[in-house]
Amino acid sequence: MSNAPLADRDLAALVPEWLDWTQVAELLGVTPSKVRSMIRDHELAAAVPEPGAGSRVPADFIQDGLVVKGLPGLLTLLHDHRFDDRECIAWLFTDDDLPGRPIDALRENRGSEVKRRAQVLEY
């Protein structure tokens, strides 16, 4: 567990693989401008993992050619708690409260426990 605020966590260390928007578009079968809309609408989240890298999406957000089930709703919930995309990504990839990272629980179709944890967050 890290005591650093979510906004200050090292995303490059937390997230093992990143995709640029073109790669995300190819995996989802959409255009890069649709990816931009999906990020704006909180269906996906993007951040700059390290200086000079450009905005990227964690590869774990895509599974079998689709956005991971439950991710858009969870991102909306986190944004309602005033998290920005960077903080959402840090929370999803940090093993603080769940046995394992929240993103892993979502990918394993255990989204209800992740959503319960997110609903009680204070920020």
Protein backbone atom coordinates (compact mmCIF):
# COMPACT_ATOMS: atom_id res chain seq x y z
CA MET A 1 0.00 0.00 0.00
CA SER A 2 1.35 3.42 -0.92
CA ASN A 3 0.83 6.55 1.15
CA ALA A 4 1.36 8.80 -1.88
CA PRO A 5 -1.76 10.59 -3.11
CA LEU A 6 -3.24 8.94 -6.20
CA ALA A 7 -2.36 11.95 -8.35
CA ASP A 8 1.32 11.57 -7.41
CA ARG A 9 1.68 7.84 -8.04
CA ASP A 10 4.09 6.72 -10.75
CA LEU A 11 1.76 5.45 -13.47
CA ALA A 12 4.63 4.08 -15.54
CA ALA A 13 5.48 1.77 -12.62
CA LEU A 14 1.85 0.85 -11.84
CA VAL A 15 0.63 0.06 -15.37
CA PRO A 16 2.61 -2.63 -17.21
CA GLU A 17 1.52 -1.77 -20.77
CA TRP A 18 0.16 1.34 -22.45
CA LEU A 19 -1.48 1.86 -25.84
CA ASP A 20 -1.65 5.01 -27.90
CA TRP A 21 -5.07 6.06 -29.18
CA THR A 22 -4.44 4.55 -32.64
CA GLN A 23 -3.66 1.16 -31.10
CA VAL A 24 -6.79 1.35 -28.94
CA ALA A 25 -8.85 2.25 -32.01
CA GLU A 26 -7.48 -0.77 -33.90
CA LEU A 27 -8.23 -3.15 -31.03
CA LEU A 28 -11.78 -1.81 -30.63
CA GLY A 29 -12.47 -1.49 -34.35
CA VAL A 30 -13.21 2.24 -34.14
CA THR A 31 -11.50 5.44 -35.24
CA PRO A 32 -9.01 7.39 -33.10
CA SER A 33 -11.56 10.20 -32.88
CA LYS A 34 -14.06 7.72 -31.39
CA VAL A 35 -11.40 6.79 -28.81
CA ARG A 36 -11.10 10.50 -27.97
CA SER A 37 -14.89 10.62 -27.48
CA MET A 38 -14.80 7.49 -25.34
CA ILE A 39 -12.18 9.10 -23.10
CA ARG A 40 -14.19 12.33 -22.87
CA ASP A 41 -17.34 10.34 -22.00
CA HIS A 42 -15.48 8.29 -19.35
CA GLU A 43 -15.84 5.00 -21.21
CA LEU A 44 -12.02 4.87 -21.14
CA ALA A 45 -9.37 6.81 -19.25
CA ALA A 46 -6.05 8.13 -20.54
CA ALA A 47 -3.00 9.75 -18.99
CA VAL A 48 0.58 10.63 -19.78
CA PRO A 49 2.53 7.81 -18.07
CA GLU A 50 5.91 9.51 -18.28
CA PRO A 51 7.16 12.86 -19.57
CA GLY A 52 7.20 13.04 -23.36
CA ALA A 53 5.13 9.87 -23.84
CA GLY A 54 1.88 11.50 -24.92
CA SER A 55 -1.55 10.50 -23.67
CA ARG A 56 -2.03 6.73 -23.48
CA VAL A 57 -4.63 4.19 -22.37
CA PRO A 58 -3.71 1.21 -20.18
CA ALA A 59 -3.75 -1.97 -22.31
CA ASP A 60 -5.62 -3.80 -19.54
CA PHE A 61 -8.68 -1.64 -20.27
CA ILE A 62 -9.23 -3.67 -23.47
CA GLN A 63 -10.18 -7.35 -23.36
CA ASP A 64 -11.17 -9.51 -26.32
CA GLY A 65 -11.65 -6.48 -28.57
CA LEU A 66 -13.96 -4.69 -26.12
CA VAL A 67 -13.68 -2.26 -23.24
CA VAL A 68 -13.51 -4.31 -20.03
CA LYS A 69 -17.01 -4.96 -18.71
CA GLY A 70 -17.95 -2.52 -15.95
CA LEU A 71 -15.10 -0.09 -16.63
CA PRO A 72 -17.19 2.78 -18.07
CA GLY A 73 -19.60 2.74 -15.11
CA LEU A 74 -16.74 2.56 -12.64
CA LEU A 75 -14.93 5.46 -14.34
CA THR A 76 -18.11 7.54 -14.15
CA LEU A 77 -18.43 6.70 -10.46
CA LEU A 78 -14.82 7.68 -9.80
CA HIS A 79 -15.26 10.93 -11.74
CA ASP A 80 -18.34 11.63 -9.62
CA HIS A 81 -15.97 11.39 -6.63
CA ARG A 82 -13.92 14.12 -8.35
CA PHE A 83 -11.13 11.83 -9.56
CA ASP A 84 -9.40 12.83 -12.79
CA ASP A 85 -8.30 10.22 -15.33
CA ARG A 86 -4.83 9.96 -13.83
CA GLU A 87 -6.26 9.27 -10.37
CA CYS A 88 -8.76 6.76 -11.80
CA ILE A 89 -5.95 4.84 -13.46
CA ALA A 90 -3.81 4.93 -10.29
CA TRP A 91 -6.73 3.64 -8.19
CA LEU A 92 -7.50 0.84 -10.66
CA PHE A 93 -3.88 -0.35 -10.72
CA THR A 94 -3.09 -0.03 -7.00
CA ASP A 95 -3.48 -3.00 -4.65
CA ASP A 96 -4.66 -1.06 -1.58
CA ASP A 97 -8.11 -2.33 -0.59
CA LEU A 98 -8.97 -5.42 -2.59
CA PRO A 99 -7.15 -8.70 -2.73
CA GLY A 100 -5.44 -7.75 -5.98
CA ARG A 101 -5.81 -4.70 -8.16
CA PRO A 102 -9.29 -3.42 -9.03
CA ILE A 103 -8.53 -3.73 -12.77
CA ASP A 104 -7.83 -7.44 -12.30
CA ALA A 105 -11.15 -7.91 -10.51
CA LEU A 106 -12.96 -6.17 -13.39
CA ARG A 107 -11.18 -8.34 -15.96
CA GLU A 108 -12.20 -11.45 -13.96
CA ASN A 109 -15.87 -10.34 -13.93
CA ARG A 110 -15.77 -9.43 -10.24
CA GLY A 111 -16.91 -5.88 -10.86
CA SER A 112 -19.50 -5.67 -8.08
CA GLU A 113 -16.84 -5.82 -5.34
CA VAL A 114 -14.84 -3.10 -7.13
CA LYS A 115 -17.91 -0.91 -7.48
CA ARG A 116 -18.75 -1.33 -3.78
CA ARG A 117 -15.24 -0.17 -2.85
CA ALA A 118 -15.46 2.81 -5.20
CA GLN A 119 -18.87 3.87 -3.86
CA VAL A 120 -17.45 4.48 -0.37
CA LEU A 121 -14.34 6.37 -1.47
CA GLU A 122 -13.64 9.71 0.07
CA TYR A 123 -11.32 12.05 -1.75
